[in-house]
Every structure is written in C-alpha cells, then in structure tokens.
Amino acid sequence: PARTSRPGISAAGAAASTSVGLIQSAP
C-alpha cells in the first residue's frame, strides 16, 4: 500500500523527501 502523500511537494525537495521505496513483486 502506498502512503498518503504530502501535497505541495516542490521539485527541489522531491528527491530529498523520497522515503523507502515501494517494491512490486507481482507482474
């Protein structure tokens, strides 16, 4: 399940605020 997003994220801060990735194991 994806987490609730934080609205208003800026392009400059997007990389820094990216959390632990989502892993999709099924096709």
mmCIF file of all heavy atoms, coordinates in Angstrom:
data_MODEL
# 
_entry.id   MODEL 
# 
loop_
_atom_site.group_PDB 
_atom_site.id 
_atom_site.type_symbol 
_atom_site.label_atom_id 
_atom_site.label_alt_id 
_atom_site.label_comp_id 
_atom_site.label_asym_id 
_atom_site.label_entity_id 
_atom_site.label_seq_id 
_atom_site.pdbx_PDB_ins_code 
_atom_site.Cartn_x 
_atom_site.Cartn_y 
_atom_site.Cartn_z 
_atom_site.occupancy 
_atom_site.B_iso_or_equiv 
_atom_site.pdbx_formal_charge 
_atom_site.auth_seq_id 
_atom_site.auth_comp_id 
_atom_site.auth_asym_id 
_atom_site.auth_atom_id 
_atom_site.pdbx_PDB_model_num 
ATOM 1   N N   . PRO A 1 1  ? 0.829  -1.213  0.000   1.00 0.00 ? 1  PRO A N   1 
ATOM 2   C CA  . PRO A 1 1  ? 0.000  0.000   0.000   1.00 0.00 ? 1  PRO A CA  1 
ATOM 3   C C   . PRO A 1 1  ? 0.855  1.251   0.000   1.00 0.00 ? 1  PRO A C   1 
ATOM 4   O O   . PRO A 1 1  ? 1.834  1.346   0.720   1.00 0.00 ? 1  PRO A O   1 
ATOM 5   C CB  . PRO A 1 1  ? -0.805 -0.119  1.303   1.00 0.00 ? 1  PRO A CB  1 
ATOM 6   C CG  . PRO A 1 1  ? -0.784 -1.573  1.638   1.00 0.00 ? 1  PRO A CG  1 
ATOM 7   C CD  . PRO A 1 1  ? 0.529  -2.094  1.146   1.00 0.00 ? 1  PRO A CD  1 
ATOM 8   N N   . ALA A 1 2  ? 0.464  2.202   -0.831  1.00 0.00 ? 2  ALA A N   1 
ATOM 9   C CA  . ALA A 1 2  ? 1.171  3.481   -0.880  1.00 0.00 ? 2  ALA A CA  1 
ATOM 10  C C   . ALA A 1 2  ? 0.700  4.356   0.273   1.00 0.00 ? 2  ALA A C   1 
ATOM 11  O O   . ALA A 1 2  ? -0.458 4.336   0.652   1.00 0.00 ? 2  ALA A O   1 
ATOM 12  C CB  . ALA A 1 2  ? 0.908  4.181   -2.208  1.00 0.00 ? 2  ALA A CB  1 
ATOM 13  N N   . ARG A 1 3  ? 1.613  5.186   0.811   1.00 0.00 ? 3  ARG A N   1 
ATOM 14  C CA  . ARG A 1 3  ? 1.251  6.057   1.923   1.00 0.00 ? 3  ARG A CA  1 
ATOM 15  C C   . ARG A 1 3  ? 0.576  7.313   1.431   1.00 0.00 ? 3  ARG A C   1 
ATOM 16  O O   . ARG A 1 3  ? 0.710  7.708   0.290   1.00 0.00 ? 3  ARG A O   1 
ATOM 17  C CB  . ARG A 1 3  ? 2.515  6.424   2.707   1.00 0.00 ? 3  ARG A CB  1 
ATOM 18  C CG  . ARG A 1 3  ? 3.227  5.208   3.286   1.00 0.00 ? 3  ARG A CG  1 
ATOM 19  C CD  . ARG A 1 3  ? 4.352  5.641   4.187   1.00 0.00 ? 3  ARG A CD  1 
ATOM 20  N NE  . ARG A 1 3  ? 5.214  6.593   3.515   1.00 0.00 ? 3  ARG A NE  1 
ATOM 21  C CZ  . ARG A 1 3  ? 6.205  7.223   4.140   1.00 0.00 ? 3  ARG A CZ  1 
ATOM 22  N NH1 . ARG A 1 3  ? 6.410  7.030   5.412   1.00 0.00 ? 3  ARG A NH1 1 
ATOM 23  N NH2 . ARG A 1 3  ? 6.973  8.065   3.482   1.00 0.00 ? 3  ARG A NH2 1 
ATOM 24  N N   . THR A 1 4  ? -0.116 7.969   2.333   1.00 0.00 ? 4  THR A N   1 
ATOM 25  C CA  . THR A 1 4  ? -0.771 9.232   1.973   1.00 0.00 ? 4  THR A CA  1 
ATOM 26  C C   . THR A 1 4  ? 0.286  10.260  1.630   1.00 0.00 ? 4  THR A C   1 
ATOM 27  O O   . THR A 1 4  ? 1.276  10.402  2.325   1.00 0.00 ? 4  THR A O   1 
ATOM 28  C CB  . THR A 1 4  ? -1.614 9.737   3.152   1.00 0.00 ? 4  THR A CB  1 
ATOM 29  O OG1 . THR A 1 4  ? -2.552 8.727   3.488   1.00 0.00 ? 4  THR A OG1 1 
ATOM 30  C CG2 . THR A 1 4  ? -2.330 11.017  2.784   1.00 0.00 ? 4  THR A CG2 1 
ATOM 31  N N   . SER A 1 5  ? 0.070  10.995  0.528   1.00 0.00 ? 5  SER A N   1 
ATOM 32  C CA  . SER A 1 5  ? 1.066  11.956  0.073   1.00 0.00 ? 5  SER A CA  1 
ATOM 33  C C   . SER A 1 5  ? 0.976  13.246  0.866   1.00 0.00 ? 5  SER A C   1 
ATOM 34  O O   . SER A 1 5  ? -0.032 13.558  1.473   1.00 0.00 ? 5  SER A O   1 
ATOM 35  C CB  . SER A 1 5  ? 0.867  12.254  -1.419  1.00 0.00 ? 5  SER A CB  1 
ATOM 36  O OG  . SER A 1 5  ? -0.339 12.955  -1.586  1.00 0.00 ? 5  SER A OG  1 
ATOM 37  N N   . ARG A 1 6  ? 2.070  13.991  0.797   1.00 0.00 ? 6  ARG A N   1 
ATOM 38  C CA  . ARG A 1 6  ? 2.103  15.327  1.377   1.00 0.00 ? 6  ARG A CA  1 
ATOM 39  C C   . ARG A 1 6  ? 1.940  16.299  0.235   1.00 0.00 ? 6  ARG A C   1 
ATOM 40  O O   . ARG A 1 6  ? 2.836  16.429  -0.603  1.00 0.00 ? 6  ARG A O   1 
ATOM 41  C CB  . ARG A 1 6  ? 3.426  15.557  2.106   1.00 0.00 ? 6  ARG A CB  1 
ATOM 42  C CG  . ARG A 1 6  ? 3.606  14.657  3.301   1.00 0.00 ? 6  ARG A CG  1 
ATOM 43  C CD  . ARG A 1 6  ? 4.861  15.058  4.061   1.00 0.00 ? 6  ARG A CD  1 
ATOM 44  N NE  . ARG A 1 6  ? 6.046  14.890  3.254   1.00 0.00 ? 6  ARG A NE  1 
ATOM 45  C CZ  . ARG A 1 6  ? 6.924  13.917  3.449   1.00 0.00 ? 6  ARG A CZ  1 
ATOM 46  N NH1 . ARG A 1 6  ? 6.725  13.022  4.371   1.00 0.00 ? 6  ARG A NH1 1 
ATOM 47  N NH2 . ARG A 1 6  ? 7.988  13.827  2.681   1.00 0.00 ? 6  ARG A NH2 1 
ATOM 48  N N   . PRO A 1 7  ? 0.817  17.010  0.127   1.00 0.00 ? 7  PRO A N   1 
ATOM 49  C CA  . PRO A 1 7  ? 0.603  17.914  -1.003  1.00 0.00 ? 7  PRO A CA  1 
ATOM 50  C C   . PRO A 1 7  ? 1.594  19.056  -0.994  1.00 0.00 ? 7  PRO A C   1 
ATOM 51  O O   . PRO A 1 7  ? 2.118  19.446  0.030   1.00 0.00 ? 7  PRO A O   1 
ATOM 52  C CB  . PRO A 1 7  ? -0.834 18.400  -0.792  1.00 0.00 ? 7  PRO A CB  1 
ATOM 53  C CG  . PRO A 1 7  ? -1.091 18.222  0.658   1.00 0.00 ? 7  PRO A CG  1 
ATOM 54  C CD  . PRO A 1 7  ? -0.302 17.020  1.073   1.00 0.00 ? 7  PRO A CD  1 
ATOM 55  N N   . GLY A 1 8  ? 1.831  19.590  -2.190  1.00 0.00 ? 8  GLY A N   1 
ATOM 56  C CA  . GLY A 1 8  ? 2.663  20.767  -2.312  1.00 0.00 ? 8  GLY A CA  1 
ATOM 57  C C   . GLY A 1 8  ? 4.138  20.489  -2.325  1.00 0.00 ? 8  GLY A C   1 
ATOM 58  O O   . GLY A 1 8  ? 4.948  21.385  -2.122  1.00 0.00 ? 8  GLY A O   1 
ATOM 59  N N   . ILE A 1 9  ? 4.562  19.237  -2.577  1.00 0.00 ? 9  ILE A N   1 
ATOM 60  C CA  . ILE A 1 9  ? 5.980  18.930  -2.615  1.00 0.00 ? 9  ILE A CA  1 
ATOM 61  C C   . ILE A 1 9  ? 6.630  19.658  -3.779  1.00 0.00 ? 9  ILE A C   1 
ATOM 62  O O   . ILE A 1 9  ? 6.086  19.707  -4.862  1.00 0.00 ? 9  ILE A O   1 
ATOM 63  C CB  . ILE A 1 9  ? 6.201  17.406  -2.717  1.00 0.00 ? 9  ILE A CB  1 
ATOM 64  C CG1 . ILE A 1 9  ? 7.687  17.079  -2.661  1.00 0.00 ? 9  ILE A CG1 1 
ATOM 65  C CG2 . ILE A 1 9  ? 5.584  16.828  -3.945  1.00 0.00 ? 9  ILE A CG2 1 
ATOM 66  C CD1 . ILE A 1 9  ? 7.965  15.611  -2.512  1.00 0.00 ? 9  ILE A CD1 1 
ATOM 67  N N   . SER A 1 10 ? 7.780  20.258  -3.593  1.00 0.00 ? 10 SER A N   1 
ATOM 68  C CA  . SER A 1 10 ? 8.436  21.007  -4.654  1.00 0.00 ? 10 SER A CA  1 
ATOM 69  C C   . SER A 1 10 ? 9.381  20.103  -5.423  1.00 0.00 ? 10 SER A C   1 
ATOM 70  O O   . SER A 1 10 ? 9.812  19.075  -4.951  1.00 0.00 ? 10 SER A O   1 
ATOM 71  C CB  . SER A 1 10 ? 9.231  22.169  -4.054  1.00 0.00 ? 10 SER A CB  1 
ATOM 72  O OG  . SER A 1 10 ? 10.303 21.673  -3.282  1.00 0.00 ? 10 SER A OG  1 
ATOM 73  N N   . ALA A 1 11 ? 9.753  20.546  -6.645  1.00 0.00 ? 11 ALA A N   1 
ATOM 74  C CA  . ALA A 1 11 ? 10.677 19.761  -7.452  1.00 0.00 ? 11 ALA A CA  1 
ATOM 75  C C   . ALA A 1 11 ? 12.031 19.676  -6.771  1.00 0.00 ? 11 ALA A C   1 
ATOM 76  O O   . ALA A 1 11 ? 12.697 18.653  -6.810  1.00 0.00 ? 11 ALA A O   1 
ATOM 77  C CB  . ALA A 1 11 ? 10.826 20.411  -8.834  1.00 0.00 ? 11 ALA A CB  1 
ATOM 78  N N   . ALA A 1 12 ? 12.461 20.764  -6.124  1.00 0.00 ? 12 ALA A N   1 
ATOM 79  C CA  . ALA A 1 12 ? 13.763 20.767  -5.488  1.00 0.00 ? 12 ALA A CA  1 
ATOM 80  C C   . ALA A 1 12 ? 13.824 19.820  -4.311  1.00 0.00 ? 12 ALA A C   1 
ATOM 81  O O   . ALA A 1 12 ? 14.857 19.213  -4.029  1.00 0.00 ? 12 ALA A O   1 
ATOM 82  C CB  . ALA A 1 12 ? 14.115 22.186  -5.030  1.00 0.00 ? 12 ALA A CB  1 
ATOM 83  N N   . GLY A 1 13 ? 12.687 19.661  -3.602  1.00 0.00 ? 13 GLY A N   1 
ATOM 84  C CA  . GLY A 1 13 ? 12.699 18.838  -2.408  1.00 0.00 ? 13 GLY A CA  1 
ATOM 85  C C   . GLY A 1 13 ? 12.232 17.429  -2.635  1.00 0.00 ? 13 GLY A C   1 
ATOM 86  O O   . GLY A 1 13 ? 12.216 16.621  -1.707  1.00 0.00 ? 13 GLY A O   1 
ATOM 87  N N   . ALA A 1 14 ? 11.836 17.096  -3.856  1.00 0.00 ? 14 ALA A N   1 
ATOM 88  C CA  . ALA A 1 14 ? 11.250 15.782  -4.098  1.00 0.00 ? 14 ALA A CA  1 
ATOM 89  C C   . ALA A 1 14 ? 12.235 14.671  -3.834  1.00 0.00 ? 14 ALA A C   1 
ATOM 90  O O   . ALA A 1 14 ? 11.901 13.656  -3.236  1.00 0.00 ? 14 ALA A O   1 
ATOM 91  C CB  . ALA A 1 14 ? 10.738 15.698  -5.542  1.00 0.00 ? 14 ALA A CB  1 
ATOM 92  N N   . ALA A 1 15 ? 13.494 14.827  -4.289  1.00 0.00 ? 15 ALA A N   1 
ATOM 93  C CA  . ALA A 1 15 ? 14.467 13.762  -4.117  1.00 0.00 ? 15 ALA A CA  1 
ATOM 94  C C   . ALA A 1 15 ? 14.797 13.566  -2.643  1.00 0.00 ? 15 ALA A C   1 
ATOM 95  O O   . ALA A 1 15 ? 14.916 12.435  -2.157  1.00 0.00 ? 15 ALA A O   1 
ATOM 96  C CB  . ALA A 1 15 ? 15.738 14.097  -4.900  1.00 0.00 ? 15 ALA A CB  1 
ATOM 97  N N   . ALA A 1 16 ? 14.916 14.667  -1.900  1.00 0.00 ? 16 ALA A N   1 
ATOM 98  C CA  . ALA A 1 16 ? 15.301 14.572  -0.504  1.00 0.00 ? 16 ALA A CA  1 
ATOM 99  C C   . ALA A 1 16 ? 14.213 13.942  0.346   1.00 0.00 ? 16 ALA A C   1 
ATOM 100 O O   . ALA A 1 16 ? 14.490 13.270  1.333   1.00 0.00 ? 16 ALA A O   1 
ATOM 101 C CB  . ALA A 1 16 ? 15.635 15.968  0.032   1.00 0.00 ? 16 ALA A CB  1 
ATOM 102 N N   . SER A 1 17 ? 12.929 14.136  -0.040  1.00 0.00 ? 17 SER A N   1 
ATOM 103 C CA  . SER A 1 17 ? 11.839 13.666  0.794   1.00 0.00 ? 17 SER A CA  1 
ATOM 104 C C   . SER A 1 17 ? 11.354 12.274  0.406   1.00 0.00 ? 17 SER A C   1 
ATOM 105 O O   . SER A 1 17 ? 10.466 11.740  1.028   1.00 0.00 ? 17 SER A O   1 
ATOM 106 C CB  . SER A 1 17 ? 10.666 14.651  0.718   1.00 0.00 ? 17 SER A CB  1 
ATOM 107 O OG  . SER A 1 17 ? 10.190 14.734  -0.600  1.00 0.00 ? 17 SER A OG  1 
ATOM 108 N N   . THR A 1 18 ? 11.940 11.692  -0.671  1.00 0.00 ? 18 THR A N   1 
ATOM 109 C CA  . THR A 1 18 ? 11.527 10.368  -1.090  1.00 0.00 ? 18 THR A CA  1 
ATOM 110 C C   . THR A 1 18 ? 11.853 9.361   0.009   1.00 0.00 ? 18 THR A C   1 
ATOM 111 O O   . THR A 1 18 ? 12.984 9.267   0.466   1.00 0.00 ? 18 THR A O   1 
ATOM 112 C CB  . THR A 1 18 ? 12.232 9.978   -2.397  1.00 0.00 ? 18 THR A CB  1 
ATOM 113 O OG1 . THR A 1 18 ? 11.844 10.900  -3.394  1.00 0.00 ? 18 THR A OG1 1 
ATOM 114 C CG2 . THR A 1 18 ? 11.859 8.580   -2.824  1.00 0.00 ? 18 THR A CG2 1 
ATOM 115 N N   . SER A 1 19 ? 10.871 8.571   0.414   1.00 0.00 ? 19 SER A N   1 
ATOM 116 C CA  . SER A 1 19 ? 11.052 7.641   1.510   1.00 0.00 ? 19 SER A CA  1 
ATOM 117 C C   . SER A 1 19 ? 11.446 6.277   0.968   1.00 0.00 ? 19 SER A C   1 
ATOM 118 O O   . SER A 1 19 ? 11.781 6.114   -0.195  1.00 0.00 ? 19 SER A O   1 
ATOM 119 C CB  . SER A 1 19 ? 9.754  7.559   2.313   1.00 0.00 ? 19 SER A CB  1 
ATOM 120 O OG  . SER A 1 19 ? 8.720  7.061   1.484   1.00 0.00 ? 19 SER A OG  1 
ATOM 121 N N   . VAL A 1 20 ? 11.434 5.273   1.842   1.00 0.00 ? 20 VAL A N   1 
ATOM 122 C CA  . VAL A 1 20 ? 11.761 3.908   1.437   1.00 0.00 ? 20 VAL A CA  1 
ATOM 123 C C   . VAL A 1 20 ? 10.869 3.505   0.275   1.00 0.00 ? 20 VAL A C   1 
ATOM 124 O O   . VAL A 1 20 ? 9.670  3.734   0.281   1.00 0.00 ? 20 VAL A O   1 
ATOM 125 C CB  . VAL A 1 20 ? 11.571 2.953   2.627   1.00 0.00 ? 20 VAL A CB  1 
ATOM 126 C CG1 . VAL A 1 20 ? 11.807 1.509   2.185   1.00 0.00 ? 20 VAL A CG1 1 
ATOM 127 C CG2 . VAL A 1 20 ? 12.524 3.331   3.749   1.00 0.00 ? 20 VAL A CG2 1 
ATOM 128 N N   . GLY A 1 21 ? 11.479 2.893   -0.744  1.00 0.00 ? 21 GLY A N   1 
ATOM 129 C CA  . GLY A 1 21 ? 10.761 2.633   -1.982  1.00 0.00 ? 21 GLY A CA  1 
ATOM 130 C C   . GLY A 1 21 ? 9.668  1.588   -1.865  1.00 0.00 ? 21 GLY A C   1 
ATOM 131 O O   . GLY A 1 21 ? 9.660  0.744   -0.971  1.00 0.00 ? 21 GLY A O   1 
ATOM 132 N N   . LEU A 1 22 ? 8.753  1.640   -2.809  1.00 0.00 ? 22 LEU A N   1 
ATOM 133 C CA  . LEU A 1 22 ? 7.692  0.653   -2.948  1.00 0.00 ? 22 LEU A CA  1 
ATOM 134 C C   . LEU A 1 22 ? 8.211  -0.484  -3.814  1.00 0.00 ? 22 LEU A C   1 
ATOM 135 O O   . LEU A 1 22 ? 8.764  -0.253  -4.892  1.00 0.00 ? 22 LEU A O   1 
ATOM 136 C CB  . LEU A 1 22 ? 6.468  1.296   -3.594  1.00 0.00 ? 22 LEU A CB  1 
ATOM 137 C CG  . LEU A 1 22 ? 5.323  0.369   -3.998  1.00 0.00 ? 22 LEU A CG  1 
ATOM 138 C CD1 . LEU A 1 22 ? 4.692  -0.292  -2.789  1.00 0.00 ? 22 LEU A CD1 1 
ATOM 139 C CD2 . LEU A 1 22 ? 4.277  1.150   -4.788  1.00 0.00 ? 22 LEU A CD2 1 
ATOM 140 N N   . ILE A 1 23 ? 8.052  -1.731  -3.362  1.00 0.00 ? 23 ILE A N   1 
ATOM 141 C CA  . ILE A 1 23 ? 8.503  -2.902  -4.104  1.00 0.00 ? 23 ILE A CA  1 
ATOM 142 C C   . ILE A 1 23 ? 7.298  -3.662  -4.612  1.00 0.00 ? 23 ILE A C   1 
ATOM 143 O O   . ILE A 1 23 ? 6.418  -4.047  -3.843  1.00 0.00 ? 23 ILE A O   1 
ATOM 144 C CB  . ILE A 1 23 ? 9.388  -3.816  -3.230  1.00 0.00 ? 23 ILE A CB  1 
ATOM 145 C CG1 . ILE A 1 23 ? 10.666 -3.068  -2.830  1.00 0.00 ? 23 ILE A CG1 1 
ATOM 146 C CG2 . ILE A 1 23 ? 9.743  -5.088  -3.986  1.00 0.00 ? 23 ILE A CG2 1 
ATOM 147 C CD1 . ILE A 1 23 ? 11.570 -3.848  -1.908  1.00 0.00 ? 23 ILE A CD1 1 
ATOM 148 N N   . GLN A 1 24 ? 7.240  -3.865  -5.917  1.00 0.00 ? 24 GLN A N   1 
ATOM 149 C CA  . GLN A 1 24 ? 6.161  -4.605  -6.573  1.00 0.00 ? 24 GLN A CA  1 
ATOM 150 C C   . GLN A 1 24 ? 6.735  -5.942  -7.043  1.00 0.00 ? 24 GLN A C   1 
ATOM 151 O O   . GLN A 1 24 ? 7.563  -5.997  -7.943  1.00 0.00 ? 24 GLN A O   1 
ATOM 152 C CB  . GLN A 1 24 ? 5.623  -3.802  -7.757  1.00 0.00 ? 24 GLN A CB  1 
ATOM 153 C CG  . GLN A 1 24 ? 4.696  -4.573  -8.671  1.00 0.00 ? 24 GLN A CG  1 
ATOM 154 C CD  . GLN A 1 24 ? 3.380  -4.926  -8.000  1.00 0.00 ? 24 GLN A CD  1 
ATOM 155 O OE1 . GLN A 1 24 ? 3.009  -4.310  -7.014  1.00 0.00 ? 24 GLN A OE1 1 
ATOM 156 N NE2 . GLN A 1 24 ? 2.687  -5.908  -8.555  1.00 0.00 ? 24 GLN A NE2 1 
ATOM 157 N N   . SER A 1 25 ? 6.303  -7.027  -6.405  1.00 0.00 ? 25 SER A N   1 
ATOM 158 C CA  . SER A 1 25 ? 6.868  -8.340  -6.724  1.00 0.00 ? 25 SER A CA  1 
ATOM 159 C C   . SER A 1 25 ? 6.092  -9.082  -7.789  1.00 0.00 ? 25 SER A C   1 
ATOM 160 O O   . SER A 1 25 ? 6.648  -9.938  -8.476  1.00 0.00 ? 25 SER A O   1 
ATOM 161 C CB  . SER A 1 25 ? 6.950  -9.197  -5.452  1.00 0.00 ? 25 SER A CB  1 
ATOM 162 O OG  . SER A 1 25 ? 5.666  -9.334  -4.868  1.00 0.00 ? 25 SER A OG  1 
ATOM 163 N N   . ALA A 1 26 ? 4.812  -8.794  -7.965  1.00 0.00 ? 26 ALA A N   1 
ATOM 164 C CA  . ALA A 1 26 ? 3.994  -9.471  -8.976  1.00 0.00 ? 26 ALA A CA  1 
ATOM 165 C C   . ALA A 1 26 ? 4.084  -8.735  -10.305 1.00 0.00 ? 26 ALA A C   1 
ATOM 166 O O   . ALA A 1 26 ? 4.307  -7.525  -10.337 1.00 0.00 ? 26 ALA A O   1 
ATOM 167 C CB  . ALA A 1 26 ? 2.536  -9.536  -8.519  1.00 0.00 ? 26 ALA A CB  1 
ATOM 168 N N   . PRO A 1 27 ? 3.905  -9.425  -11.421 1.00 0.00 ? 27 PRO A N   1 
ATOM 169 C CA  . PRO A 1 27 ? 3.888  -8.744  -12.720 1.00 0.00 ? 27 PRO A CA  1 
ATOM 170 C C   . PRO A 1 27 ? 2.792  -7.677  -12.768 1.00 0.00 ? 27 PRO A C   1 
ATOM 171 O O   . PRO A 1 27 ? 1.717  -7.848  -12.194 1.00 0.00 ? 27 PRO A O   1 
ATOM 172 C CB  . PRO A 1 27 ? 3.593  -9.875  -13.712 1.00 0.00 ? 27 PRO A CB  1 
ATOM 173 C CG  . PRO A 1 27 ? 4.021  -11.121 -13.015 1.00 0.00 ? 27 PRO A CG  1 
ATOM 174 C CD  . PRO A 1 27 ? 3.740  -10.893 -11.565 1.00 0.00 ? 27 PRO A CD  1 
# 
